[in-house]
Protein backbone atom coordinates (compact mmCIF):
# COMPACT_ATOMS: atom_id res chain seq x y z
CA MET A 1 169.96 89.85 -120.70
CA LYS A 2 167.92 91.71 -118.10
CA SER A 3 165.74 89.81 -115.65
CA TYR A 4 162.30 91.12 -114.72
CA LEU A 5 160.01 90.29 -111.82
CA ASN A 6 156.35 89.39 -112.37
CA PHE A 7 155.13 92.85 -111.34
CA GLU A 8 157.49 94.58 -113.81
CA SER A 9 155.75 93.49 -117.03
CA GLU A 10 154.91 97.05 -118.12
CA ILE A 11 158.46 98.19 -117.42
CA LYS A 12 159.78 95.24 -119.44
CA ASN A 13 157.66 96.23 -122.46
CA LEU A 14 158.73 99.86 -122.27
CA GLU A 15 162.43 99.00 -121.97
CA GLY A 16 162.12 96.58 -124.88
CA GLU A 17 160.67 99.38 -126.99
CA LEU A 18 163.44 101.71 -125.81
CA ASP A 19 166.17 99.24 -126.82
CA LYS A 20 164.71 99.02 -130.33
CA LEU A 21 164.70 102.80 -130.66
CA LYS A 22 168.33 103.03 -129.55
CA ASP A 23 169.43 100.47 -132.15
CA PRO A 24 169.80 102.05 -135.62
CA TYR A 25 170.22 98.59 -137.18
CA ASN A 26 166.74 97.31 -136.40
CA ASN A 27 164.59 94.89 -138.39
CA GLU A 28 163.52 97.63 -140.78
CA GLY A 29 167.07 98.37 -141.83
CA LEU A 30 169.29 101.38 -141.13
CA SER A 31 167.30 104.32 -139.75
CA GLU A 32 167.79 107.49 -137.76
CA VAL A 33 167.63 107.39 -133.95
CA ASP A 34 164.56 109.27 -132.69
CA THR A 35 166.02 111.06 -129.64
CA GLY A 36 162.74 112.75 -128.82
CA LYS A 37 160.88 109.44 -128.63
CA ILE A 38 163.72 107.93 -126.58
CA SER A 39 163.48 110.73 -124.02
CA GLU A 40 159.72 110.34 -123.86
CA ILE A 41 159.86 106.59 -123.23
CA GLN A 42 162.71 106.96 -120.71
CA SER A 43 160.61 109.45 -118.77
CA GLU A 44 157.67 107.03 -118.92
CA ILE A 45 159.90 104.21 -117.59
CA ASP A 46 161.11 106.39 -114.69
CA ASN A 47 157.55 107.30 -113.78
CA LYS A 48 156.44 103.67 -113.93
CA LEU A 49 159.39 102.57 -111.78
CA ARG A 50 158.58 105.27 -109.25
CA GLU A 51 154.93 104.24 -109.19
CA VAL A 52 155.63 100.50 -108.82
CA TYR A 53 158.51 100.67 -106.33
CA SER A 54 156.83 103.19 -104.05
CA ASN A 55 153.98 100.73 -103.46
CA LEU A 56 155.73 97.38 -103.08
CA ASN A 57 154.20 94.97 -100.59
CA SER A 58 156.32 92.75 -98.35
CA TRP A 59 156.30 89.78 -100.73
CA GLN A 60 157.31 91.93 -103.70
CA LYS A 61 160.20 93.34 -101.65
CA THR A 62 161.22 89.76 -100.92
CA GLN A 63 161.36 89.12 -104.65
CA VAL A 64 163.48 92.23 -105.18
CA ALA A 65 165.84 91.13 -102.38
CA ARG A 66 166.31 87.82 -104.22
CA HIS A 67 166.78 89.36 -107.67
CA GLU A 68 169.50 87.45 -109.54
CA ASP A 69 171.16 90.67 -110.79
CA ARG A 70 171.34 92.27 -107.36
CA PRO A 71 174.91 93.20 -106.30
CA LYS A 72 176.48 90.47 -104.19
CA SER A 73 179.10 90.50 -101.44
CA LYS A 74 181.92 89.80 -103.91
CA PHE A 75 181.00 92.97 -105.82
CA PHE A 76 181.16 95.12 -102.69
CA ILE A 77 184.42 93.54 -101.49
CA GLU A 78 186.11 94.11 -104.85
CA ASN A 79 184.97 97.73 -105.17
CA LEU A 80 184.89 99.09 -101.61
CA PHE A 81 188.13 97.70 -100.20
CA GLN A 82 191.78 97.82 -101.12
CA GLU A 83 194.52 95.21 -100.59
CA PHE A 84 192.02 92.48 -99.80
CA VAL A 85 193.83 89.34 -98.58
CA PRO A 86 191.47 86.32 -98.67
CA LEU A 87 191.82 83.78 -95.87
CA ALA A 88 190.35 80.29 -95.88
CA GLY A 89 189.72 77.26 -93.69
CA ASP A 90 188.38 76.68 -90.19
CA ARG A 91 191.42 74.63 -89.01
CA PHE A 92 189.06 71.74 -88.18
CA TYR A 93 187.36 70.43 -91.31
CA GLY A 94 187.81 72.49 -94.46
CA GLU A 95 186.92 75.54 -96.51
CA ASP A 96 183.38 76.90 -97.01
CA LYS A 97 183.16 78.85 -100.27
CA SER A 98 179.75 80.31 -99.41
CA VAL A 99 181.50 82.94 -97.26
CA LEU A 100 184.36 85.22 -98.35
CA THR A 101 186.70 86.37 -95.59
CA GLY A 102 189.91 88.34 -95.36
CA PHE A 103 191.68 91.45 -94.16
CA ALA A 104 191.64 94.62 -96.24
CA LYS A 105 191.90 98.41 -96.17
CA PHE A 106 188.82 100.61 -96.07
CA ASN A 107 189.74 104.28 -96.55
CA GLU A 108 193.24 103.53 -95.18
CA THR A 109 191.78 101.72 -92.15
CA SER A 110 192.56 98.02 -91.64
CA VAL A 111 189.37 95.97 -91.39
CA LEU A 112 188.24 92.35 -91.41
CA VAL A 113 185.71 91.74 -94.19
CA ILE A 114 183.20 88.87 -94.12
CA GLY A 115 180.72 88.37 -96.95
CA GLN A 116 178.12 85.68 -97.58
CA GLU A 117 178.29 85.04 -101.32
CA LYS A 118 175.49 83.49 -103.43
CA GLY A 119 177.26 83.52 -106.80
CA ASP A 120 176.43 85.22 -110.10
CA ASP A 121 175.58 82.28 -112.39
CA LEU A 122 174.58 78.64 -112.08
CA ASN A 123 178.13 77.30 -111.74
CA THR A 124 179.22 79.82 -109.10
CA ARG A 125 175.93 79.43 -107.24
CA ILE A 126 176.49 75.70 -106.96
CA GLU A 127 180.11 76.31 -105.92
CA ARG A 128 178.99 78.86 -103.30
CA ASN A 129 176.11 76.64 -102.17
CA PHE A 130 173.67 79.52 -102.93
CA GLY A 131 175.08 81.47 -99.97
CA MET A 132 174.08 78.83 -97.41
CA MET A 133 176.95 78.42 -94.95
CA ARG A 134 178.02 75.12 -93.44
CA PRO A 135 179.52 74.68 -89.92
CA GLU A 136 183.06 75.13 -91.23
CA GLY A 137 182.05 78.52 -92.62
CA TYR A 138 180.89 79.76 -89.22
CA ARG A 139 184.00 78.32 -87.55
CA LYS A 140 186.16 80.11 -90.10
CA THR A 141 184.49 83.44 -89.31
CA ILE A 142 184.82 82.81 -85.56
CA ARG A 143 188.56 82.17 -85.99
CA LEU A 144 189.04 85.40 -87.92
CA MET A 145 186.78 87.51 -85.69
CA ARG A 146 188.85 86.49 -82.67
CA LEU A 147 192.02 87.35 -84.59
CA ALA A 148 190.61 90.79 -85.49
CA ASP A 149 189.64 91.35 -81.85
CA LYS A 150 193.16 90.48 -80.71
CA PHE A 151 194.69 93.13 -83.00
CA ASN A 152 191.89 95.70 -82.48
CA ILE A 153 190.68 95.61 -86.11
CA PRO A 154 187.06 96.61 -86.94
CA ILE A 155 184.83 94.03 -88.63
CA ILE A 156 182.53 94.67 -91.60
CA ILE A 157 180.07 91.93 -92.57
CA PHE A 158 177.88 91.62 -95.68
CA ILE A 159 174.85 89.39 -95.16
CA ASP A 160 173.03 87.72 -98.04
CA THR A 161 171.74 84.20 -97.39
CA PRO A 162 168.44 82.31 -97.46
CA GLY A 163 169.63 80.55 -94.29
CA ALA A 164 172.19 78.11 -92.95
CA TYR A 165 172.65 74.93 -94.99
CA PRO A 166 170.14 72.29 -93.72
CA GLY A 167 171.89 69.21 -95.12
CA VAL A 168 172.61 66.00 -93.20
CA GLY A 169 176.37 66.51 -93.38
CA ALA A 170 176.10 70.00 -91.91
CA GLU A 171 173.96 68.72 -89.04
CA GLU A 172 176.41 65.89 -88.40
CA ARG A 173 179.26 68.39 -88.15
CA GLY A 174 177.38 70.54 -85.61
CA GLN A 175 175.51 73.24 -87.52
CA ALA A 176 173.47 74.50 -84.54
CA GLU A 177 176.53 74.55 -82.26
CA ALA A 178 178.55 76.48 -84.85
CA ILE A 179 175.80 79.11 -85.24
CA ALA A 180 175.43 79.47 -81.46
CA LYS A 181 179.20 79.90 -81.02
CA SER A 182 179.27 82.46 -83.82
CA ILE A 183 176.60 84.53 -82.03
CA ALA A 184 178.44 84.18 -78.71
CA CYS A 185 181.74 85.20 -80.34
CA SER A 186 180.11 88.23 -82.00
CA MET A 187 178.70 89.37 -78.66
CA ASP A 188 182.07 89.02 -76.87
CA LEU A 189 184.06 91.17 -79.30
CA LYS A 190 185.48 94.50 -78.17
CA VAL A 191 186.04 95.94 -81.63
CA PRO A 192 183.45 97.79 -83.76
CA THR A 193 181.28 95.43 -85.83
CA ILE A 194 179.00 96.53 -88.67
CA SER A 195 176.64 94.14 -90.46
CA VAL A 196 175.11 95.18 -93.79
CA ILE A 197 172.11 93.18 -95.01
CA ILE A 198 172.37 93.57 -98.78
CA GLY A 199 169.76 91.03 -99.91
CA GLU A 200 168.30 88.18 -97.89
CA GLY A 201 168.90 87.94 -94.17
CA GLY A 202 167.48 84.51 -93.55
CA SER A 203 167.12 82.70 -90.24
CA GLY A 204 170.06 81.66 -88.03
CA GLY A 205 172.31 81.82 -91.08
CA ALA A 206 172.06 85.61 -90.94
CA ILE A 207 171.70 86.09 -87.17
CA ALA A 208 175.01 84.25 -86.64
CA LEU A 209 176.79 87.19 -88.29
CA ALA A 210 174.33 90.01 -87.56
CA SER A 211 174.96 90.28 -83.81
CA SER A 212 176.78 93.56 -84.36
CA ASN A 213 177.04 97.05 -82.92
CA LYS A 214 175.38 98.43 -86.04
CA ILE A 215 173.00 96.61 -88.36
CA LEU A 216 172.51 98.42 -91.67
CA MET A 217 169.98 97.24 -94.21
CA PHE A 218 169.33 97.98 -97.87
CA GLU A 219 165.96 99.53 -98.60
CA ASN A 220 164.62 96.48 -100.45
CA ALA A 221 166.42 93.81 -98.40
CA ILE A 222 164.67 91.44 -95.99
CA TYR A 223 165.61 90.07 -92.56
CA SER A 224 163.55 87.32 -90.94
CA VAL A 225 163.63 84.20 -88.80
CA ILE A 226 162.20 82.05 -91.62
CA SER A 227 161.34 82.48 -95.30
CA PRO A 228 157.78 83.60 -96.17
CA GLU A 229 157.24 80.25 -97.95
CA GLY A 230 158.30 78.32 -94.86
CA CYS A 231 156.14 80.46 -92.58
CA ALA A 232 153.09 80.01 -94.85
CA SER A 233 153.63 76.24 -94.93
CA ILE A 234 153.72 76.06 -91.13
CA LEU A 235 150.89 78.47 -90.26
CA TRP A 236 148.44 77.90 -93.11
CA ARG A 237 149.66 74.61 -94.60
CA ASP A 238 149.70 76.51 -97.87
CA PRO A 239 153.03 77.75 -99.34
CA LYS A 240 151.10 80.01 -101.72
CA LYS A 241 150.11 82.36 -98.86
CA THR A 242 153.47 84.07 -99.06
CA LEU A 243 152.01 87.59 -99.07
CA GLU A 244 150.12 87.03 -95.81
CA ALA A 245 153.21 85.47 -94.24
CA ALA A 246 155.55 88.24 -95.41
CA GLU A 247 153.20 90.95 -94.11
CA ALA A 248 152.81 89.22 -90.73
CA MET A 249 156.55 88.65 -90.26
CA LYS A 250 157.51 92.35 -90.56
CA LEU A 251 160.62 91.47 -92.57
CA THR A 252 161.11 94.70 -94.54
CA SER A 253 163.66 97.37 -93.65
CA LYS A 254 160.96 99.90 -92.81
CA ASP A 255 159.25 97.55 -90.34
CA LEU A 256 162.52 96.48 -88.73
CA LEU A 257 163.73 100.04 -88.29
CA GLU A 258 160.45 100.88 -86.55
CA LEU A 259 160.92 97.84 -84.30
CA GLU A 260 164.52 98.95 -83.65
CA VAL A 261 165.91 95.62 -84.81
CA ILE A 262 168.13 97.45 -87.32
CA ASP A 263 169.87 100.81 -86.97
CA GLU A 264 169.79 102.34 -90.43
CA ILE A 265 168.30 101.95 -93.91
CA ILE A 266 170.60 102.38 -96.91
CA SER A 267 168.63 103.84 -99.81
CA GLU A 268 168.60 102.08 -103.18
CA PRO A 269 168.34 103.48 -106.71
CA LEU A 270 164.90 103.72 -108.28
CA GLY A 271 163.92 100.21 -109.35
CA GLY A 272 166.25 98.35 -106.97
CA ALA A 273 169.96 98.00 -106.27
CA HIS A 274 170.57 96.05 -109.49
CA ARG A 275 169.69 99.07 -111.64
CA ASP A 276 172.54 101.30 -110.45
CA LYS A 277 175.28 99.40 -108.64
CA ASP A 278 177.64 102.38 -108.58
CA LEU A 279 175.15 104.46 -106.61
CA CYS A 280 174.78 101.53 -104.18
CA LEU A 281 178.55 101.52 -103.66
CA THR A 282 178.54 105.21 -102.83
CA ASN A 283 175.66 104.87 -100.36
CA VAL A 284 177.21 101.85 -98.61
CA LYS A 285 180.62 103.46 -98.39
CA GLU A 286 179.24 106.64 -96.81
CA SER A 287 177.15 104.69 -94.32
CA ILE A 288 179.98 102.39 -93.22
CA GLN A 289 182.41 105.29 -92.81
CA LYS A 290 179.89 107.29 -90.78
CA ASN A 291 179.28 104.42 -88.37
CA LEU A 292 182.99 103.57 -88.08
CA ASP A 293 183.77 107.20 -87.21
CA GLU A 294 181.08 107.11 -84.53
CA MET A 295 182.45 103.95 -82.91
CA ASN A 296 186.08 105.02 -83.18
CA LEU A 297 185.33 107.51 -80.40
CA MET A 298 184.43 104.64 -78.06
CA SER A 299 186.75 102.52 -75.92
CA ARG A 300 186.85 98.73 -76.21
CA ASP A 301 184.73 98.32 -73.08
CA GLU A 302 182.23 100.90 -74.33
CA ILE A 303 181.93 99.05 -77.65
CA PHE A 304 181.24 95.80 -75.79
CA SER A 305 178.64 97.46 -73.53
CA HIS A 306 177.00 99.19 -76.50
CA ARG A 307 176.47 95.87 -78.28
CA LYS A 308 175.28 94.08 -75.15
CA ASN A 309 172.80 96.80 -74.24
CA LYS A 310 171.55 97.05 -77.82
CA PHE A 311 170.36 93.45 -77.82
CA LEU A 312 169.19 93.38 -74.20
CA LEU A 313 166.92 96.34 -74.93
CA LEU A 314 165.23 94.68 -77.92
CA GLY A 315 161.53 94.33 -77.26
CA ARG A 316 161.60 96.35 -74.03
CA ASN A 317 159.66 99.31 -75.40
CA LYS A 318 157.13 97.42 -77.50
CA GLY A 319 155.39 94.21 -76.65
CA PHE A 320 153.62 92.67 -73.69
CA SER A 321 156.14 93.66 -71.00
CA SER A 322 156.19 97.16 -69.59
CA SER A 323 159.09 99.36 -70.63
CA LEU A 324 162.05 99.52 -68.29
CA ASP A 325 164.27 102.46 -67.53
CA TYR A 326 167.59 102.22 -69.33
CA GLN A 327 170.55 101.41 -67.13
CA GLU A 328 174.15 101.09 -68.24
CA ASN A 329 174.44 97.53 -66.98
CA LEU A 330 170.74 96.70 -67.38
CA THR A 331 170.47 95.06 -63.98
CA MET A 332 166.90 94.46 -62.85
CA LYS A 333 165.72 96.38 -59.78
CA GLU A 334 164.82 93.97 -56.96
CA THR A 335 161.91 94.60 -54.61
CA LEU A 336 161.92 93.49 -50.95
CA LEU A 337 159.64 90.61 -51.90
CA ASP A 338 162.08 89.49 -54.61
CA LYS A 339 164.95 89.58 -52.13
CA ALA A 340 162.90 87.62 -49.59
CA LYS A 341 162.12 84.95 -52.20
CA ILE A 342 165.79 84.61 -53.08
CA LYS A 343 166.82 84.31 -49.42
CA PHE A 344 164.09 81.73 -48.81
CA LYS A 345 165.35 79.60 -51.69
CA GLN A 346 168.90 79.80 -50.34
CA PHE A 347 168.02 78.93 -46.73
CA LYS A 348 164.66 77.14 -47.05
CA TYR A 349 165.74 74.02 -45.14
CA GLN A 350 167.19 76.03 -42.25
CA ILE A 351 164.02 78.17 -42.13
CA ILE A 352 161.78 75.09 -42.08
CA ILE A 353 163.79 73.55 -39.21
CA ILE A 354 163.64 76.78 -37.19
CA LEU A 355 159.87 77.07 -37.76
CA LEU A 356 159.35 73.45 -36.64
CA PHE A 357 161.45 74.08 -33.54
CA VAL A 358 159.43 77.20 -32.68
CA ILE A 359 156.11 75.38 -33.19
CA LEU A 360 157.19 72.43 -31.02
CA SER A 361 158.52 74.75 -28.31
CA ILE A 362 155.22 76.65 -28.19
CA TYR A 363 153.29 73.34 -28.11
CA PHE A 364 155.23 71.95 -25.12
CA LEU A 365 155.15 75.25 -23.23
CA LEU A 366 151.36 75.35 -23.54
């Protein structure tokens, strides 16, 4: 049974009417299928989808990103990669089923695949903890990312999570430390890393795996430091002000591309990714291959520098600080005054003693 969002009521009615026309065994008994009427309604549905989805606000895009029928990481792993070998465990505590990991082949190239998985129904969602990773999940990905780096294997990551799991047990086992180490590990890698935000990219749970050379994002996906509901609760003390929060947070792919937080938008079928999953597969496959080919021309040191410079440059061109000229190592230019301040801090006691000696000498001479 199809699921519809609250702004798709007209589309729901039209598709219900279309399903009745396509069924010759309807309530009125056996009848002929009216192909002309079917074509007319299908055209009307396409026009309505185009009208609605070309004018989505930030909160509506958030709802699309969370759609229960949207393709998940498991779908992409099963259909984009060959010879996938799943690997489990962090070698410290246990297995985290909210993240799928393993080595596979992508167009005859060996890759490490990491995918945050929400689940498809109630039972699998509970089993996968709704895509919210625990510390052992991040430690598992760190272990495998280091292994991939050792053998010079590119890493492809699918991100889809409302955030890291906030439970007491996770905090007791070092959730914040695990996320921080995951970010640090991602930044230290010398192999190509590509992160694809396919649905929700929520908070530190997403950032822990999105510190990559290339960040790709589905057209109707979201990527933010907090959920719109959480932001509205903090700023306005009213969780109903989700639209205002979503607009202010700039969490859509279009906003983030403009801010240069992400590198590329992957287009979705009309009406969202859940309406044509095969087309989504084709678009993702082409985008990943294009970016892998680009980074295959780079050395390990160049890949490392590319990632480092990418994140160091964030916010340099827009914001309160003046833009800085790009430098390969991004070292700050020091003025004479800056150098003098540094020297003074290093030798301040010696300088004070010398000044006192000079003052006393002048005093006694006079």
